[in-house]
Amino acid sequence: MKLSKLIALTLLTLSTSALANTIEGTNYQSPYCGCCKEWVKHMEDNGFKLDVVYKEDLTPIKIKLGLRPEYASCHTAQIDGYTFEGHVPADEIKRFLDEKPDRMIGLAVAGMPMGSPGMEYDDIKDPFDVVAFDKNGKTIVWSRHNQ
């Protein structure tokens, strides 16, 4: 086999396996929010491909997806049938998708804590919890960050 064909075959194999490892989803966000764009970049840097849908009012989407107001943030993602609200770290989403915990329909980081993905500023790192929630609004602490 010629070297050029071998290189082409290797590149095709590598690009195909990279696509197979990409986790796809949709992120709903305001067209005016800069931190939402930074969170999407964080997700893309960690193997996700998110289609971005810009909405002026995200409340109907959040309600439809079972999110309680106390866990709301500035953007809402749907990935593999689950809901991810706010600045949830990509590694926590990957772990959730791997484990698929019983009854839980998603993860949320309430508000916009400094130091969470997309909310980096200088060395400020506010403590925050990632909570898993079910369709009835019951939650468990999934993980703690910057404690």
N, C-alpha and C. Protein backbone atom coordinates (compact mmCIF):
# COMPACT_ATOMS: atom_id res chain seq x y z
N MET A 1 0.85 -1.18 0.00
CA MET A 1 0.00 0.00 0.00
C MET A 1 0.90 1.24 0.00
N LYS A 2 0.54 2.18 -0.81
CA LYS A 2 1.30 3.42 -0.87
C LYS A 2 1.16 4.17 0.44
N LEU A 3 2.21 4.94 0.77
CA LEU A 3 2.22 5.71 2.01
C LEU A 3 1.06 6.71 2.06
N SER A 4 0.74 7.35 0.95
CA SER A 4 -0.35 8.33 0.95
C SER A 4 -1.70 7.67 1.26
N LYS A 5 -1.92 6.46 0.75
CA LYS A 5 -3.17 5.75 1.05
C LYS A 5 -3.20 5.34 2.52
N LEU A 6 -2.06 4.94 3.05
CA LEU A 6 -1.99 4.55 4.46
C LEU A 6 -2.28 5.75 5.37
N ILE A 7 -1.72 6.89 5.02
CA ILE A 7 -1.97 8.11 5.80
C ILE A 7 -3.45 8.49 5.72
N ALA A 8 -4.03 8.43 4.53
CA ALA A 8 -5.44 8.78 4.36
C ALA A 8 -6.33 7.83 5.16
N LEU A 9 -6.02 6.54 5.14
CA LEU A 9 -6.80 5.57 5.90
C LEU A 9 -6.67 5.81 7.39
N THR A 10 -5.48 6.15 7.86
CA THR A 10 -5.26 6.44 9.28
C THR A 10 -6.05 7.67 9.70
N LEU A 11 -6.01 8.72 8.89
CA LEU A 11 -6.75 9.94 9.21
C LEU A 11 -8.25 9.69 9.24
N LEU A 12 -8.75 8.90 8.30
CA LEU A 12 -10.17 8.57 8.27
C LEU A 12 -10.57 7.80 9.52
N THR A 13 -9.75 6.84 9.93
CA THR A 13 -10.03 6.06 11.13
C THR A 13 -10.03 6.94 12.37
N LEU A 14 -9.05 7.83 12.48
CA LEU A 14 -8.97 8.73 13.63
C LEU A 14 -10.17 9.67 13.69
N SER A 15 -10.56 10.25 12.55
CA SER A 15 -11.68 11.18 12.55
C SER A 15 -12.99 10.46 12.84
N THR A 16 -13.14 9.23 12.37
CA THR A 16 -14.34 8.46 12.64
C THR A 16 -14.44 8.12 14.12
N SER A 17 -13.33 7.73 14.75
CA SER A 17 -13.39 7.41 16.18
C SER A 17 -13.60 8.66 17.01
N ALA A 18 -13.08 9.80 16.58
CA ALA A 18 -13.32 11.05 17.31
C ALA A 18 -14.79 11.42 17.26
N LEU A 19 -15.44 11.24 16.10
CA LEU A 19 -16.86 11.52 15.99
C LEU A 19 -17.69 10.58 16.84
N ALA A 20 -17.26 9.32 16.94
CA ALA A 20 -18.00 8.34 17.73
C ALA A 20 -17.97 8.70 19.21
N ASN A 21 -16.92 9.40 19.66
CA ASN A 21 -16.80 9.76 21.06
C ASN A 21 -17.45 11.10 21.39
N THR A 22 -17.92 11.81 20.39
CA THR A 22 -18.56 13.10 20.61
C THR A 22 -19.96 12.89 21.18
N ILE A 23 -20.29 13.63 22.23
CA ILE A 23 -21.61 13.57 22.84
C ILE A 23 -22.38 14.79 22.35
N GLU A 24 -23.51 14.55 21.71
CA GLU A 24 -24.27 15.65 21.11
C GLU A 24 -25.46 16.04 21.97
N GLY A 25 -25.85 17.29 21.85
CA GLY A 25 -27.01 17.79 22.57
C GLY A 25 -27.39 19.18 22.09
N THR A 26 -28.31 19.80 22.82
CA THR A 26 -28.79 21.14 22.49
C THR A 26 -28.71 22.01 23.73
N ASN A 27 -28.23 23.23 23.57
CA ASN A 27 -28.19 24.19 24.67
C ASN A 27 -29.11 25.36 24.32
N TYR A 28 -30.03 25.65 25.24
CA TYR A 28 -30.94 26.79 25.10
C TYR A 28 -30.39 27.93 25.94
N GLN A 29 -30.24 29.09 25.32
CA GLN A 29 -29.65 30.22 26.03
C GLN A 29 -30.11 31.54 25.44
N SER A 30 -29.90 32.59 26.22
CA SER A 30 -30.20 33.94 25.75
C SER A 30 -29.18 34.35 24.69
N PRO A 31 -29.59 35.11 23.71
CA PRO A 31 -28.63 35.58 22.71
C PRO A 31 -27.66 36.61 23.27
N TYR A 32 -27.90 37.10 24.49
CA TYR A 32 -27.09 38.17 25.05
C TYR A 32 -26.12 37.72 26.13
N CYS A 33 -26.08 36.44 26.45
CA CYS A 33 -25.32 35.96 27.60
C CYS A 33 -23.93 35.46 27.20
N GLY A 34 -22.91 36.14 27.68
CA GLY A 34 -21.53 35.74 27.37
C GLY A 34 -21.08 34.50 28.11
N CYS A 35 -21.53 34.33 29.35
CA CYS A 35 -21.07 33.16 30.11
C CYS A 35 -21.66 31.87 29.55
N CYS A 36 -22.83 31.94 28.93
CA CYS A 36 -23.41 30.76 28.28
C CYS A 36 -22.50 30.30 27.14
N LYS A 37 -22.01 31.27 26.37
CA LYS A 37 -21.11 30.94 25.27
C LYS A 37 -19.83 30.31 25.80
N GLU A 38 -19.34 30.80 26.94
CA GLU A 38 -18.13 30.23 27.54
C GLU A 38 -18.37 28.81 28.04
N TRP A 39 -19.56 28.54 28.58
CA TRP A 39 -19.89 27.19 29.03
C TRP A 39 -19.95 26.24 27.84
N VAL A 40 -20.54 26.67 26.74
CA VAL A 40 -20.59 25.83 25.53
C VAL A 40 -19.17 25.54 25.06
N LYS A 41 -18.29 26.51 25.10
CA LYS A 41 -16.88 26.28 24.73
C LYS A 41 -16.25 25.25 25.67
N HIS A 42 -16.50 25.36 26.97
CA HIS A 42 -16.01 24.37 27.93
C HIS A 42 -16.50 22.97 27.55
N MET A 43 -17.75 22.86 27.20
CA MET A 43 -18.31 21.57 26.81
C MET A 43 -17.65 21.04 25.54
N GLU A 44 -17.47 21.91 24.55
CA GLU A 44 -16.83 21.50 23.30
C GLU A 44 -15.39 21.07 23.55
N ASP A 45 -14.69 21.76 24.44
CA ASP A 45 -13.31 21.39 24.78
C ASP A 45 -13.24 20.03 25.47
N ASN A 46 -14.39 19.54 25.94
CA ASN A 46 -14.43 18.27 26.66
C ASN A 46 -15.23 17.19 25.92
N GLY A 47 -15.31 17.31 24.60
CA GLY A 47 -15.87 16.24 23.79
C GLY A 47 -17.36 16.30 23.50
N PHE A 48 -17.99 17.42 23.75
CA PHE A 48 -19.41 17.59 23.45
C PHE A 48 -19.58 18.43 22.20
N LYS A 49 -20.67 18.21 21.49
CA LYS A 49 -21.07 19.07 20.37
C LYS A 49 -22.49 19.51 20.66
N LEU A 50 -22.64 20.78 20.99
CA LEU A 50 -23.96 21.31 21.35
C LEU A 50 -24.48 22.25 20.28
N ASP A 51 -25.67 21.97 19.81
CA ASP A 51 -26.38 22.94 18.97
C ASP A 51 -26.91 24.00 19.91
N VAL A 52 -26.75 25.25 19.55
CA VAL A 52 -27.21 26.35 20.40
C VAL A 52 -28.49 26.92 19.82
N VAL A 53 -29.51 27.02 20.69
CA VAL A 53 -30.79 27.61 20.31
C VAL A 53 -30.97 28.85 21.18
N TYR A 54 -31.07 30.00 20.53
CA TYR A 54 -31.22 31.26 21.25
C TYR A 54 -32.70 31.55 21.48
N LYS A 55 -33.03 31.88 22.72
CA LYS A 55 -34.41 32.20 23.10
C LYS A 55 -34.40 33.41 24.01
N GLU A 56 -35.36 34.28 23.83
CA GLU A 56 -35.51 35.44 24.71
C GLU A 56 -36.02 35.01 26.09
N ASP A 57 -36.95 34.06 26.11
CA ASP A 57 -37.55 33.59 27.36
C ASP A 57 -37.35 32.08 27.47
N LEU A 58 -36.52 31.67 28.42
CA LEU A 58 -36.22 30.25 28.61
C LEU A 58 -37.17 29.56 29.58
N THR A 59 -38.01 30.31 30.25
CA THR A 59 -38.89 29.74 31.27
C THR A 59 -39.75 28.59 30.76
N PRO A 60 -40.41 28.70 29.62
CA PRO A 60 -41.23 27.57 29.15
C PRO A 60 -40.41 26.29 28.92
N ILE A 61 -39.19 26.44 28.44
CA ILE A 61 -38.33 25.27 28.22
C ILE A 61 -37.96 24.64 29.55
N LYS A 62 -37.59 25.46 30.51
CA LYS A 62 -37.21 24.96 31.83
C LYS A 62 -38.38 24.22 32.48
N ILE A 63 -39.58 24.77 32.39
CA ILE A 63 -40.76 24.12 32.97
C ILE A 63 -41.03 22.79 32.27
N LYS A 64 -40.98 22.79 30.95
CA LYS A 64 -41.23 21.58 30.17
C LYS A 64 -40.25 20.46 30.54
N LEU A 65 -39.01 20.84 30.85
CA LEU A 65 -37.98 19.84 31.16
C LEU A 65 -37.94 19.46 32.64
N GLY A 66 -38.87 19.99 33.44
CA GLY A 66 -38.99 19.57 34.83
C GLY A 66 -38.07 20.27 35.80
N LEU A 67 -37.58 21.44 35.42
CA LEU A 67 -36.64 22.16 36.28
C LEU A 67 -37.39 23.07 37.24
N ARG A 68 -37.06 23.00 38.51
CA ARG A 68 -37.67 23.87 39.52
C ARG A 68 -36.97 25.23 39.53
N PRO A 69 -37.68 26.30 39.83
CA PRO A 69 -37.09 27.64 39.81
C PRO A 69 -35.87 27.79 40.73
N GLU A 70 -35.84 27.10 41.85
CA GLU A 70 -34.71 27.26 42.78
C GLU A 70 -33.39 26.70 42.24
N TYR A 71 -33.45 25.94 41.15
CA TYR A 71 -32.22 25.41 40.55
C TYR A 71 -31.92 26.03 39.20
N ALA A 72 -32.63 27.09 38.86
CA ALA A 72 -32.47 27.72 37.55
C ALA A 72 -31.16 28.50 37.45
N SER A 73 -30.71 28.59 36.22
CA SER A 73 -29.53 29.36 35.88
C SER A 73 -29.79 30.02 34.53
N CYS A 74 -28.74 30.39 33.84
CA CYS A 74 -28.90 31.18 32.61
C CYS A 74 -29.04 30.35 31.34
N HIS A 75 -28.77 29.05 31.39
CA HIS A 75 -28.93 28.22 30.20
C HIS A 75 -29.34 26.81 30.59
N THR A 76 -29.95 26.12 29.64
CA THR A 76 -30.47 24.78 29.87
C THR A 76 -30.08 23.90 28.69
N ALA A 77 -29.46 22.75 28.98
CA ALA A 77 -29.05 21.83 27.93
C ALA A 77 -29.83 20.53 28.01
N GLN A 78 -30.08 19.95 26.85
CA GLN A 78 -30.66 18.62 26.73
C GLN A 78 -29.62 17.75 26.04
N ILE A 79 -29.20 16.70 26.75
CA ILE A 79 -28.18 15.79 26.22
C ILE A 79 -28.63 14.36 26.53
N ASP A 80 -28.77 13.55 25.52
CA ASP A 80 -29.10 12.13 25.69
C ASP A 80 -30.39 11.94 26.50
N GLY A 81 -31.36 12.86 26.33
CA GLY A 81 -32.63 12.75 27.03
C GLY A 81 -32.64 13.29 28.45
N TYR A 82 -31.52 13.82 28.92
CA TYR A 82 -31.42 14.38 30.27
C TYR A 82 -31.30 15.90 30.18
N THR A 83 -31.59 16.57 31.30
CA THR A 83 -31.52 18.02 31.37
C THR A 83 -30.34 18.44 32.24
N PHE A 84 -29.59 19.41 31.76
CA PHE A 84 -28.44 19.94 32.50
C PHE A 84 -28.59 21.45 32.56
N GLU A 85 -28.75 21.94 33.78
CA GLU A 85 -29.05 23.35 33.99
C GLU A 85 -27.84 24.09 34.54
N GLY A 86 -27.49 25.17 33.87
CA GLY A 86 -26.45 26.04 34.39
C GLY A 86 -25.05 25.54 34.13
N HIS A 87 -24.15 25.99 34.98
CA HIS A 87 -22.72 25.82 34.76
C HIS A 87 -22.19 24.50 35.33
N VAL A 88 -22.81 23.40 34.91
CA VAL A 88 -22.40 22.07 35.34
C VAL A 88 -21.09 21.70 34.63
N PRO A 89 -20.08 21.25 35.38
CA PRO A 89 -18.83 20.83 34.74
C PRO A 89 -19.04 19.63 33.80
N ALA A 90 -18.33 19.63 32.69
CA ALA A 90 -18.46 18.57 31.69
C ALA A 90 -18.18 17.19 32.28
N ASP A 91 -17.20 17.07 33.16
CA ASP A 91 -16.88 15.75 33.72
C ASP A 91 -18.03 15.21 34.57
N GLU A 92 -18.80 16.09 35.21
CA GLU A 92 -19.95 15.64 35.99
C GLU A 92 -21.07 15.15 35.06
N ILE A 93 -21.23 15.81 33.93
CA ILE A 93 -22.23 15.37 32.95
C ILE A 93 -21.83 14.02 32.37
N LYS A 94 -20.56 13.85 32.06
CA LYS A 94 -20.10 12.55 31.54
C LYS A 94 -20.34 11.45 32.56
N ARG A 95 -20.04 11.71 33.83
CA ARG A 95 -20.25 10.70 34.88
C ARG A 95 -21.74 10.38 35.00
N PHE A 96 -22.60 11.40 34.96
CA PHE A 96 -24.04 11.20 35.03
C PHE A 96 -24.52 10.33 33.86
N LEU A 97 -24.06 10.65 32.65
CA LEU A 97 -24.47 9.88 31.48
C LEU A 97 -23.98 8.44 31.56
N ASP A 98 -22.82 8.23 32.15
CA ASP A 98 -22.29 6.86 32.32
C ASP A 98 -23.09 6.09 33.37
N GLU A 99 -23.40 6.74 34.48
CA GLU A 99 -24.06 6.07 35.60
C GLU A 99 -25.57 5.98 35.45
N LYS A 100 -26.18 6.94 34.77
CA LYS A 100 -27.64 7.00 34.59
C LYS A 100 -28.36 6.64 35.91
N PRO A 101 -28.23 7.51 36.92
CA PRO A 101 -28.81 7.18 38.23
C PRO A 101 -30.34 7.04 38.17
N ASP A 102 -30.84 6.06 38.91
CA ASP A 102 -32.29 5.80 38.97
C ASP A 102 -33.05 7.06 39.33
N ARG A 103 -34.18 7.26 38.68
CA ARG A 103 -35.14 8.35 38.93
C ARG A 103 -34.64 9.74 38.53
N MET A 104 -33.36 9.96 38.44
CA MET A 104 -32.85 11.31 38.19
C MET A 104 -32.97 11.66 36.71
N ILE A 105 -33.41 12.92 36.47
CA ILE A 105 -33.60 13.36 35.08
C ILE A 105 -32.58 14.42 34.66
N GLY A 106 -31.67 14.79 35.58
CA GLY A 106 -30.67 15.76 35.20
C GLY A 106 -29.86 16.29 36.36
N LEU A 107 -28.99 17.22 36.02
CA LEU A 107 -28.11 17.89 36.98
C LEU A 107 -28.31 19.40 36.87
N ALA A 108 -28.07 20.10 37.98
CA ALA A 108 -28.20 21.56 37.97
C ALA A 108 -27.16 22.21 38.87
N VAL A 109 -26.69 23.36 38.44
CA VAL A 109 -25.91 24.27 39.28
C VAL A 109 -26.73 25.55 39.33
N ALA A 110 -27.31 25.82 40.48
CA ALA A 110 -28.17 26.99 40.63
C ALA A 110 -27.36 28.28 40.53
N GLY A 111 -27.98 29.29 39.94
CA GLY A 111 -27.32 30.59 39.84
C GLY A 111 -26.13 30.57 38.89
N MET A 112 -25.17 31.40 39.19
CA MET A 112 -24.00 31.54 38.33
C MET A 112 -22.75 31.69 39.21
N PRO A 113 -22.34 30.62 39.90
CA PRO A 113 -21.21 30.75 40.84
C PRO A 113 -19.89 31.03 40.13
N MET A 114 -19.16 32.00 40.66
CA MET A 114 -17.84 32.32 40.11
C MET A 114 -16.93 31.09 40.26
N GLY A 115 -16.16 30.83 39.22
CA GLY A 115 -15.25 29.70 39.23
C GLY A 115 -15.83 28.43 38.65
N SER A 116 -17.14 28.43 38.36
CA SER A 116 -17.73 27.28 37.67
C SER A 116 -17.42 27.43 36.17
N PRO A 117 -17.52 26.35 35.39
CA PRO A 117 -17.21 26.45 33.96
C PRO A 117 -18.02 27.53 33.26
N GLY A 118 -17.32 28.45 32.61
CA GLY A 118 -17.97 29.57 31.94
C GLY A 118 -18.05 30.82 32.80
N MET A 119 -17.78 30.65 34.08
CA MET A 119 -17.86 31.78 35.02
C MET A 119 -16.49 32.06 35.66
N GLU A 120 -15.44 31.72 34.95
CA GLU A 120 -14.10 31.95 35.48
C GLU A 120 -13.77 33.44 35.46
N TYR A 121 -13.23 33.92 36.57
CA TYR A 121 -12.83 35.32 36.65
C TYR A 121 -11.70 35.42 37.67
N ASP A 122 -10.52 35.86 37.21
CA ASP A 122 -9.33 35.92 38.07
C ASP A 122 -9.19 34.59 38.81
N ASP A 123 -8.93 34.65 40.08
CA ASP A 123 -8.81 33.43 40.89
C ASP A 123 -10.00 33.23 41.81
N ILE A 124 -11.12 33.89 41.51
CA ILE A 124 -12.30 33.78 42.36
C ILE A 124 -12.98 32.44 42.12
N LYS A 125 -13.17 31.69 43.20
CA LYS A 125 -13.81 30.38 43.10
C LYS A 125 -14.82 30.23 44.24
N ASP A 126 -16.07 30.53 43.94
CA ASP A 126 -17.13 30.35 44.92
C ASP A 126 -17.44 28.86 45.08
N PRO A 127 -17.74 28.43 46.29
CA PRO A 127 -18.18 27.03 46.44
C PRO A 127 -19.55 26.84 45.78
N PHE A 128 -19.74 25.66 45.16
CA PHE A 128 -21.05 25.36 44.59
C PHE A 128 -21.28 23.86 44.58
N ASP A 129 -22.57 23.51 44.62
CA ASP A 129 -22.98 22.12 44.53
C ASP A 129 -23.58 21.85 43.17
N VAL A 130 -23.34 20.65 42.67
CA VAL A 130 -24.06 20.13 41.52
C VAL A 130 -25.11 19.19 42.11
N VAL A 131 -26.38 19.44 41.82
CA VAL A 131 -27.43 18.58 42.34
C VAL A 131 -28.06 17.78 41.21
N ALA A 132 -28.39 16.52 41.53
CA ALA A 132 -29.19 15.69 40.62
C ALA A 132 -30.64 15.84 41.05
N PHE A 133 -31.55 15.91 40.08
CA PHE A 133 -32.96 16.10 40.41
C PHE A 133 -33.83 15.10 39.66
N ASP A 134 -34.98 14.78 40.29
CA ASP A 134 -35.93 13.88 39.65
C ASP A 134 -37.14 14.67 39.15
N LYS A 135 -38.08 13.99 38.53
CA LYS A 135 -39.24 14.68 37.93
C LYS A 135 -40.16 15.31 38.96
N ASN A 136 -40.03 14.91 40.24
CA ASN A 136 -40.85 15.49 41.31
C ASN A 136 -40.14 16.64 42.02
N GLY A 137 -38.94 16.98 41.56
CA GLY A 137 -38.20 18.09 42.16
C GLY A 137 -37.32 17.69 43.33
N LYS A 138 -37.28 16.41 43.66
CA LYS A 138 -36.40 15.95 44.74
C LYS A 138 -34.97 15.95 44.24
N THR A 139 -34.06 16.32 45.13
CA THR A 139 -32.66 16.43 44.72
C THR A 139 -31.74 15.67 45.67
N ILE A 140 -30.56 15.37 45.14
CA ILE A 140 -29.45 14.88 45.95
C ILE A 140 -28.23 15.67 45.52
N VAL A 141 -27.28 15.86 46.43
CA VAL A 141 -26.04 16.51 46.03
C VAL A 141 -25.22 15.49 45.25
N TRP A 142 -24.94 15.83 44.01
CA TRP A 142 -24.18 14.96 43.11
C TRP A 142 -22.67 15.14 43.37
N SER A 143 -22.27 16.40 43.52
CA SER A 143 -20.86 16.70 43.78
C SER A 143 -20.75 18.12 44.37
N ARG A 144 -19.62 18.36 45.01
CA ARG A 144 -19.32 19.69 45.57
C ARG A 144 -18.03 20.19 44.94
N HIS A 145 -17.99 21.49 44.69
CA HIS A 145 -16.81 22.08 44.04
C HIS A 145 -16.36 23.32 44.81
N ASN A 146 -15.07 23.56 44.80
CA ASN A 146 -14.44 24.74 45.43
C ASN A 146 -14.78 24.86 46.91
N GLN A 147 -14.90 23.75 47.58
CA GLN A 147 -15.26 23.76 49.02
C GLN A 147 -14.06 24.08 49.88
